[in-house]
Amino acid sequence: MLEDSLRTSLLALVGKNETPFFALSLEKLKQNEQEFLQTARLYFPKLRVCYSVKTNQFPEVLKALSTGFEIASLEELRLVKSKKVFKVFNGCCKKEKELEEAVRQDAIVIADSFSELEKLNAVRKKIKRKALKIGVRLNVASKFGIELSKIPEFLAKAEHCNCKVVLLHAHPGVQNSLKDYESFLKDFKAAVKLWDFEFLDFGSGFPSFPKMNSLGISLHDFLKVVKKELGTTLDDKIIVFEPGRILVADSMILVCKVCAVKELNGERIAVLDAGINVLQKIVLESFEFEPLTENLGQKRQFKLVGPLLFGNDILGTTMLNLKENDLIAVKNVGAYCASLAWEISYKKPKVFVL
């Protein structure tokens, strides 16, 4: 349930603005950040945390966080240019301008291929750096990185190019179970033994805090698995995590309106003024729908649909007593929803800070 103070703040925004809109709680964002940092430091005193900018690049989010940044494009590099913090630059399609800007910002570029290593060497020569500190991404069942068997060859070539590989990176994927995460760490451990890496970057992939709660697990469970699988190999290393979803998912709420209620083919349908243009399934989050002003009376099952002229613009079902012009708060929309929102038929919802 929404807290009374939050509900009041959202209703105040409704009085001045058209729906749909996003509302960002900086207080919740900072609470999540502190919970993540405090928990991770219990296990890894030598810690670097790099917020995944692509998850939500709203300026107030970037400004509020005290972490470093994980960056994936030139645009993201420009967003954090003024931040003199620890940065890693990731991705499988880095262009020369992006590589050059990342190096100038002293970000650790995580090489994704042998050809990218050659591009980095060219950038090093162009900007007259004697040597570069870089990372390498290990392939773990995806389109990214370099196969384990080819990592030694990459390390040798990097030395020849005056690029010192100081960081090993791999990403476990998203919404992992503990069993999946454990399997990922076994692959990572095999690569750790190949080189004296200064930084071990485990990416992220952590579910949001609400999702963890619903599954009966916690961040402690994931971090304990890291300690268990890698043991003493972690002792002299700096551990890097790249959280995104877990920091921002429940820090943002979407407020929308019921524009029409009808019965169709035996179903009650509520048409909202925000649909899959804002709440896409690709974001892999469990959205929660809650009325801002609840109607008294019997709750009934409604199919929630959006305003687009697409038959698949369906958000899910809910048990509520809904009427036209009712206001709905959609929770857990902070991860990727604002970043990926389509401008098709409608403008992207504005973001307001609470």
Protein backbone atom coordinates (compact mmCIF):
# COMPACT_ATOMS: atom_id res chain seq x y z
CA MET A 1 0.00 0.00 0.00
CA LEU A 2 1.11 3.56 -0.73
CA GLU A 3 2.05 5.56 2.35
CA ASP A 4 -0.37 8.39 3.12
CA SER A 5 2.30 11.06 2.60
CA LEU A 6 3.22 9.62 -0.80
CA ARG A 7 -0.43 9.37 -1.82
CA THR A 8 -0.94 13.02 -0.86
CA SER A 9 2.08 14.09 -2.90
CA LEU A 10 0.87 12.18 -5.96
CA LEU A 11 -2.61 13.66 -5.73
CA ALA A 12 -1.07 17.13 -5.50
CA LEU A 13 0.78 16.47 -8.75
CA VAL A 14 -2.44 15.26 -10.39
CA GLY A 15 -4.06 18.58 -9.49
CA LYS A 16 -1.48 20.47 -11.55
CA ASN A 17 -0.57 18.05 -14.36
CA GLU A 18 -2.15 15.80 -16.95
CA THR A 19 -1.73 12.05 -16.67
CA PRO A 20 0.17 9.91 -17.31
CA PHE A 21 3.35 11.04 -15.54
CA PHE A 22 6.22 9.56 -13.59
CA ALA A 23 6.94 10.58 -10.00
CA LEU A 24 10.44 9.97 -8.68
CA SER A 25 11.01 9.55 -4.95
CA LEU A 26 14.57 10.66 -4.25
CA GLU A 27 14.13 9.48 -0.67
CA LYS A 28 13.40 5.92 -1.82
CA LEU A 29 16.25 6.02 -4.33
CA LYS A 30 18.73 7.04 -1.64
CA GLN A 31 17.36 4.43 0.77
CA ASN A 32 17.93 1.72 -1.85
CA GLU A 33 21.42 2.99 -2.56
CA GLN A 34 22.35 2.95 1.12
CA GLU A 35 20.90 -0.52 1.62
CA PHE A 36 22.86 -1.84 -1.35
CA LEU A 37 26.14 -0.19 -0.31
CA GLN A 38 25.90 -1.17 3.34
CA THR A 39 25.02 -4.78 2.52
CA ALA A 40 27.71 -5.19 -0.14
CA ARG A 41 30.41 -3.69 2.10
CA LEU A 42 29.70 -6.32 4.73
CA TYR A 43 31.06 -8.89 2.28
CA PHE A 44 33.48 -6.80 0.19
CA PRO A 45 35.26 -3.95 1.99
CA LYS A 46 37.18 -3.23 -1.25
CA LEU A 47 34.15 -2.23 -3.27
CA ARG A 48 33.30 -0.12 -6.30
CA VAL A 49 29.67 0.36 -7.28
CA CYS A 50 28.87 1.66 -10.76
CA TYR A 51 25.24 2.56 -11.37
CA SER A 52 23.99 1.32 -14.75
CA VAL A 53 23.07 4.59 -16.48
CA LYS A 54 20.93 2.92 -19.16
CA THR A 55 18.51 1.70 -16.49
CA ASN A 56 17.26 5.22 -15.81
CA GLN A 57 19.21 8.23 -17.03
CA PHE A 58 16.92 10.92 -15.64
CA PRO A 59 19.28 13.74 -14.52
CA GLU A 60 17.95 13.86 -10.97
CA VAL A 61 18.69 10.14 -10.57
CA LEU A 62 22.29 10.58 -11.70
CA LYS A 63 22.70 13.65 -9.51
CA ALA A 64 21.33 11.97 -6.39
CA LEU A 65 23.54 8.88 -6.48
CA SER A 66 26.98 8.77 -4.84
CA THR A 67 28.13 5.75 -6.85
CA GLY A 68 30.34 5.45 -9.90
CA PHE A 69 28.79 4.72 -13.29
CA GLU A 70 28.55 1.93 -15.84
CA ILE A 71 28.21 3.54 -19.26
CA ALA A 72 27.24 2.12 -22.65
CA SER A 73 27.21 5.00 -25.15
CA LEU A 74 28.59 8.43 -26.02
CA GLU A 75 25.35 10.04 -24.84
CA GLU A 76 25.72 8.41 -21.43
CA LEU A 77 29.36 9.48 -21.27
CA ARG A 78 28.24 13.07 -21.82
CA LEU A 79 25.63 12.76 -19.08
CA VAL A 80 28.28 11.89 -16.47
CA LYS A 81 31.19 13.88 -17.89
CA SER A 82 31.32 16.23 -14.91
CA LYS A 83 31.32 13.35 -12.41
CA LYS A 84 34.85 12.58 -11.26
CA VAL A 85 34.08 9.08 -10.06
CA PHE A 86 35.00 5.50 -10.93
CA LYS A 87 33.56 4.60 -14.34
CA VAL A 88 33.48 1.55 -16.57
CA PHE A 89 32.52 1.69 -20.25
CA ASN A 90 30.75 -1.38 -21.55
CA GLY A 91 29.11 -2.64 -24.74
CA CYS A 92 29.83 -4.58 -27.91
CA CYS A 93 29.60 -1.74 -30.46
CA LYS A 94 31.87 1.03 -29.24
CA LYS A 95 32.82 3.62 -31.85
CA GLU A 96 36.09 5.55 -31.99
CA LYS A 97 34.54 8.77 -30.63
CA GLU A 98 33.09 6.82 -27.71
CA LEU A 99 36.37 5.09 -26.95
CA GLU A 100 38.25 8.36 -27.09
CA GLU A 101 35.81 10.13 -24.76
CA ALA A 102 35.83 7.19 -22.33
CA VAL A 103 39.64 7.24 -22.18
CA ARG A 104 39.67 11.01 -21.68
CA GLN A 105 37.27 10.56 -18.75
CA ASP A 106 39.61 7.90 -17.31
CA ALA A 107 36.90 5.26 -17.52
CA ILE A 108 38.05 1.66 -17.67
CA VAL A 109 37.01 0.49 -21.12
CA ILE A 110 35.86 -3.12 -21.01
CA ALA A 111 37.02 -4.61 -24.30
CA ASP A 112 34.46 -6.88 -25.94
CA SER A 113 36.48 -8.21 -28.88
CA PHE A 114 39.95 -8.41 -30.41
CA SER A 115 39.03 -5.73 -32.95
CA GLU A 116 38.02 -3.41 -30.13
CA LEU A 117 41.45 -3.91 -28.60
CA GLU A 118 42.99 -2.72 -31.87
CA LYS A 119 40.72 0.35 -31.81
CA LEU A 120 41.76 1.07 -28.24
CA ASN A 121 45.40 0.87 -29.25
CA ALA A 122 44.75 3.32 -32.07
CA VAL A 123 43.02 5.71 -29.64
CA ARG A 124 45.93 5.36 -27.22
CA LYS A 125 48.35 6.43 -29.92
CA LYS A 126 46.08 9.23 -31.16
CA ILE A 127 45.80 10.92 -27.77
CA LYS A 128 49.42 10.09 -26.93
CA ARG A 129 48.93 7.89 -23.91
CA LYS A 130 51.92 5.71 -23.10
CA ALA A 131 49.66 2.95 -21.77
CA LEU A 132 46.03 2.26 -20.97
CA LYS A 133 44.35 0.36 -18.18
CA ILE A 134 41.48 -1.62 -19.64
CA GLY A 135 39.10 -4.47 -18.86
CA VAL A 136 38.03 -7.59 -20.72
CA ARG A 137 34.56 -9.07 -20.89
CA LEU A 138 34.18 -12.81 -20.51
CA ASN A 139 31.55 -14.43 -22.71
CA VAL A 140 28.82 -16.12 -20.67
CA ALA A 141 26.15 -17.53 -23.00
CA SER A 142 25.36 -14.28 -24.84
CA LYS A 143 26.50 -12.10 -27.75
CA PHE A 144 28.98 -10.29 -25.51
CA GLY A 145 32.62 -10.78 -24.66
CA ILE A 146 35.44 -13.20 -25.44
CA GLU A 147 35.39 -16.95 -25.00
CA LEU A 148 37.25 -18.34 -22.00
CA SER A 149 39.62 -20.34 -24.25
CA LYS A 150 40.68 -17.14 -26.04
CA ILE A 151 41.24 -14.98 -22.97
CA PRO A 152 44.97 -15.89 -22.72
CA GLU A 153 45.48 -14.84 -26.35
CA PHE A 154 43.66 -11.57 -25.66
CA LEU A 155 45.82 -10.87 -22.58
CA ALA A 156 49.01 -11.43 -24.56
CA LYS A 157 47.85 -9.17 -27.38
CA ALA A 158 46.83 -6.47 -24.90
CA GLU A 159 50.33 -6.42 -23.42
CA HIS A 160 51.77 -6.03 -26.90
CA CYS A 161 49.46 -3.03 -27.41
CA ASN A 162 50.53 -1.36 -24.14
CA CYS A 163 47.08 -1.99 -22.71
CA LYS A 164 47.22 -3.38 -19.20
CA VAL A 165 44.20 -5.55 -18.41
CA VAL A 166 43.25 -4.65 -14.85
CA LEU A 167 39.59 -5.70 -14.82
CA LEU A 168 37.71 -8.91 -15.56
CA HIS A 169 34.02 -8.44 -16.32
CA ALA A 170 31.08 -10.74 -16.91
CA HIS A 171 27.33 -10.25 -16.58
CA PRO A 172 25.07 -13.00 -15.24
CA GLY A 173 21.93 -11.91 -17.11
CA VAL A 174 18.78 -10.54 -15.52
CA GLN A 175 16.27 -11.88 -12.99
CA ASN A 176 18.49 -14.81 -12.07
CA SER A 177 17.68 -17.47 -9.55
CA LEU A 178 20.38 -18.22 -7.00
CA LYS A 179 21.10 -21.46 -8.88
CA ASP A 180 21.62 -19.57 -12.15
CA TYR A 181 23.84 -17.05 -10.39
CA GLU A 182 25.94 -19.83 -8.87
CA SER A 183 26.46 -21.36 -12.33
CA PHE A 184 27.57 -17.98 -13.70
CA LEU A 185 30.14 -17.63 -10.92
CA LYS A 186 31.71 -20.99 -11.76
CA ASP A 187 32.49 -19.73 -15.27
CA PHE A 188 33.80 -16.46 -13.85
CA LYS A 189 36.08 -18.30 -11.41
CA ALA A 190 37.75 -20.18 -14.26
CA ALA A 191 38.75 -16.88 -15.89
CA VAL A 192 39.98 -15.29 -12.64
CA LYS A 193 42.81 -17.85 -12.51
CA LEU A 194 44.23 -16.74 -15.85
CA TRP A 195 45.56 -13.34 -14.81
CA ASP A 196 46.31 -11.11 -11.85
CA PHE A 197 43.29 -8.84 -12.28
CA GLU A 198 43.02 -5.86 -9.95
CA PHE A 199 39.24 -5.55 -10.35
CA LEU A 200 36.61 -8.29 -10.57
CA ASP A 201 33.42 -6.90 -12.07
CA PHE A 202 30.35 -9.10 -11.58
CA GLY A 203 27.93 -6.83 -13.45
CA SER A 204 24.57 -6.94 -11.74
CA GLY A 205 21.44 -8.79 -12.79
CA PHE A 206 20.00 -8.51 -9.29
CA PRO A 207 16.20 -8.46 -9.07
CA SER A 208 14.62 -5.38 -7.54
CA PHE A 209 14.11 -5.32 -3.79
CA PRO A 210 10.31 -5.86 -4.18
CA LYS A 211 10.95 -8.83 -6.47
CA MET A 212 13.41 -10.34 -3.99
CA ASN A 213 10.88 -9.94 -1.21
CA SER A 214 8.22 -11.73 -3.26
CA LEU A 215 10.65 -14.60 -3.91
CA GLY A 216 11.70 -14.87 -0.27
CA ILE A 217 15.35 -14.08 -0.97
CA SER A 218 17.62 -11.14 -0.26
CA LEU A 219 20.73 -9.39 -1.52
CA HIS A 220 22.64 -11.20 1.23
CA ASP A 221 21.85 -14.51 -0.46
CA PHE A 222 23.45 -13.43 -3.75
CA LEU A 223 26.54 -11.97 -2.09
CA LYS A 224 27.04 -15.06 0.06
CA VAL A 225 27.13 -17.15 -3.13
CA VAL A 226 29.91 -14.92 -4.51
CA LYS A 227 31.97 -15.43 -1.35
CA LYS A 228 31.30 -19.16 -1.38
CA GLU A 229 32.20 -19.73 -5.03
CA LEU A 230 35.29 -17.52 -5.27
CA GLY A 231 36.56 -17.77 -1.70
CA THR A 232 40.12 -16.58 -1.08
CA THR A 233 40.59 -15.42 -4.69
CA LEU A 234 38.64 -12.31 -3.65
CA ASP A 235 40.92 -11.32 -0.79
CA ASP A 236 43.22 -8.89 -2.61
CA LYS A 237 40.79 -7.84 -5.34
CA ILE A 238 38.57 -4.80 -5.71
CA ILE A 239 35.02 -6.00 -6.31
CA VAL A 240 32.81 -4.11 -8.76
CA PHE A 241 29.02 -4.33 -9.09
CA GLU A 242 26.89 -2.50 -11.67
CA PRO A 243 23.44 -2.21 -10.06
CA GLY A 244 20.60 -0.53 -11.89
CA ARG A 245 17.21 -2.15 -11.34
CA ILE A 246 17.76 -2.83 -7.64
CA LEU A 247 18.41 0.87 -6.98
CA VAL A 248 15.69 2.52 -9.05
CA ALA A 249 12.84 0.08 -9.71
CA ASP A 250 10.63 1.02 -6.76
CA SER A 251 11.81 4.63 -6.56
CA MET A 252 9.49 5.70 -9.39
CA ILE A 253 5.71 5.52 -9.78
CA LEU A 254 3.57 6.02 -12.88
CA VAL A 255 0.28 7.82 -12.34
CA CYS A 256 -2.35 7.17 -15.00
CA LYS A 257 -6.10 7.47 -15.43
CA VAL A 258 -8.95 5.14 -16.30
CA CYS A 259 -10.37 6.64 -19.49
CA ALA A 260 -13.05 4.06 -20.21
CA VAL A 261 -14.68 1.03 -18.57
CA LYS A 262 -16.57 -1.53 -20.61
CA GLU A 263 -17.59 -5.17 -20.81
CA LEU A 264 -16.41 -7.16 -23.82
CA ASN A 265 -16.74 -10.89 -24.45
CA GLY A 266 -17.58 -11.51 -20.82
CA GLU A 267 -14.63 -9.48 -19.47
CA ARG A 268 -14.57 -6.16 -17.64
CA ILE A 269 -12.01 -3.91 -19.30
CA ALA A 270 -10.45 -0.71 -18.00
CA VAL A 271 -8.71 1.42 -20.63
CA LEU A 272 -5.82 3.41 -19.17
CA ASP A 273 -4.07 6.41 -20.72
CA ALA A 274 -0.73 4.56 -20.48
CA GLY A 275 -0.06 1.17 -22.01
CA ILE A 276 2.84 -0.83 -23.41
CA ASN A 277 4.25 2.41 -24.79
CA VAL A 278 5.30 3.04 -21.17
CA LEU A 279 5.00 -0.32 -19.39
CA GLN A 280 6.73 -2.74 -21.71
CA LYS A 281 7.14 -6.40 -20.84
CA ILE A 282 10.77 -6.20 -21.96
CA VAL A 283 11.66 -4.37 -18.74
CA LEU A 284 11.04 -7.64 -16.85
CA GLU A 285 9.52 -6.02 -13.78
CA SER A 286 6.48 -6.96 -11.71
CA PHE A 287 4.26 -3.89 -11.94
CA GLU A 288 1.77 -3.31 -9.13
CA PHE A 289 -1.46 -1.40 -9.75
CA GLU A 290 -3.04 0.51 -6.89
CA PRO A 291 -5.85 3.10 -6.93
CA LEU A 292 -4.94 6.56 -5.69
CA THR A 293 -8.51 7.08 -4.47
CA GLU A 294 -10.22 3.78 -3.82
CA ASN A 295 -13.92 3.33 -4.53
CA LEU A 296 -16.06 1.60 -1.94
CA GLY A 297 -17.94 -1.44 -3.08
CA GLN A 298 -17.26 -4.88 -4.44
CA LYS A 299 -13.92 -5.47 -6.11
CA ARG A 300 -14.09 -7.21 -9.45
CA GLN A 301 -11.56 -8.50 -11.93
CA PHE A 302 -10.58 -6.05 -14.65
CA LYS A 303 -8.34 -6.50 -17.63
CA LEU A 304 -6.11 -3.41 -17.82
CA VAL A 305 -5.36 -2.25 -21.35
CA GLY A 306 -3.61 0.75 -22.83
CA PRO A 307 -4.61 3.43 -25.36
CA LEU A 308 -2.64 2.24 -28.39
CA LEU A 309 -4.30 0.91 -31.53
CA PHE A 310 -2.52 -2.41 -31.02
CA GLY A 311 -4.34 -5.57 -30.00
CA ASN A 312 -1.47 -6.56 -27.74
CA ASP A 313 -1.60 -3.36 -25.66
CA ILE A 314 -2.55 -5.34 -22.56
CA LEU A 315 -1.01 -4.70 -19.15
CA GLY A 316 -2.55 -7.46 -17.05
CA THR A 317 -5.45 -8.00 -14.69
CA THR A 318 -6.31 -6.64 -11.28
CA MET A 319 -9.02 -6.97 -8.62
CA LEU A 320 -10.37 -3.46 -8.03
CA ASN A 321 -13.58 -1.48 -8.08
CA LEU A 322 -12.86 0.81 -11.04
CA LYS A 323 -14.78 3.68 -12.57
CA GLU A 324 -13.95 6.11 -15.34
CA ASN A 325 -11.56 8.92 -14.31
CA ASP A 326 -10.16 6.86 -11.44
CA LEU A 327 -6.46 7.42 -10.85
CA ILE A 328 -4.10 4.45 -10.79
CA ALA A 329 -0.58 4.36 -9.33
CA VAL A 330 1.67 1.81 -11.02
CA LYS A 331 4.57 0.85 -8.78
CA ASN A 332 8.05 -0.49 -9.62
CA VAL A 333 8.44 1.44 -12.88
CA GLY A 334 11.83 3.04 -12.23
CA ALA A 335 13.89 0.53 -14.21
CA TYR A 336 13.92 1.04 -17.99
CA CYS A 337 10.31 2.30 -18.31
CA ALA A 338 11.28 5.95 -18.73
CA SER A 339 14.34 5.04 -20.81
CA LEU A 340 12.44 2.75 -23.19
CA ALA A 341 9.11 4.59 -23.40
CA TRP A 342 7.90 4.92 -26.99
CA GLU A 343 6.84 8.18 -28.57
CA ILE A 344 4.15 6.57 -30.69
CA SER A 345 0.83 8.44 -30.85
CA TYR A 346 1.68 10.01 -27.47
CA LYS A 347 4.56 11.93 -25.94
CA LYS A 348 6.66 10.26 -23.27
CA PRO A 349 5.29 10.96 -19.78
CA LYS A 350 6.99 13.76 -17.88
CA VAL A 351 8.99 13.01 -14.76
CA PHE A 352 8.38 14.93 -11.54
CA VAL A 353 10.53 14.77 -8.42
CA LEU A 354 8.88 14.27 -5.05
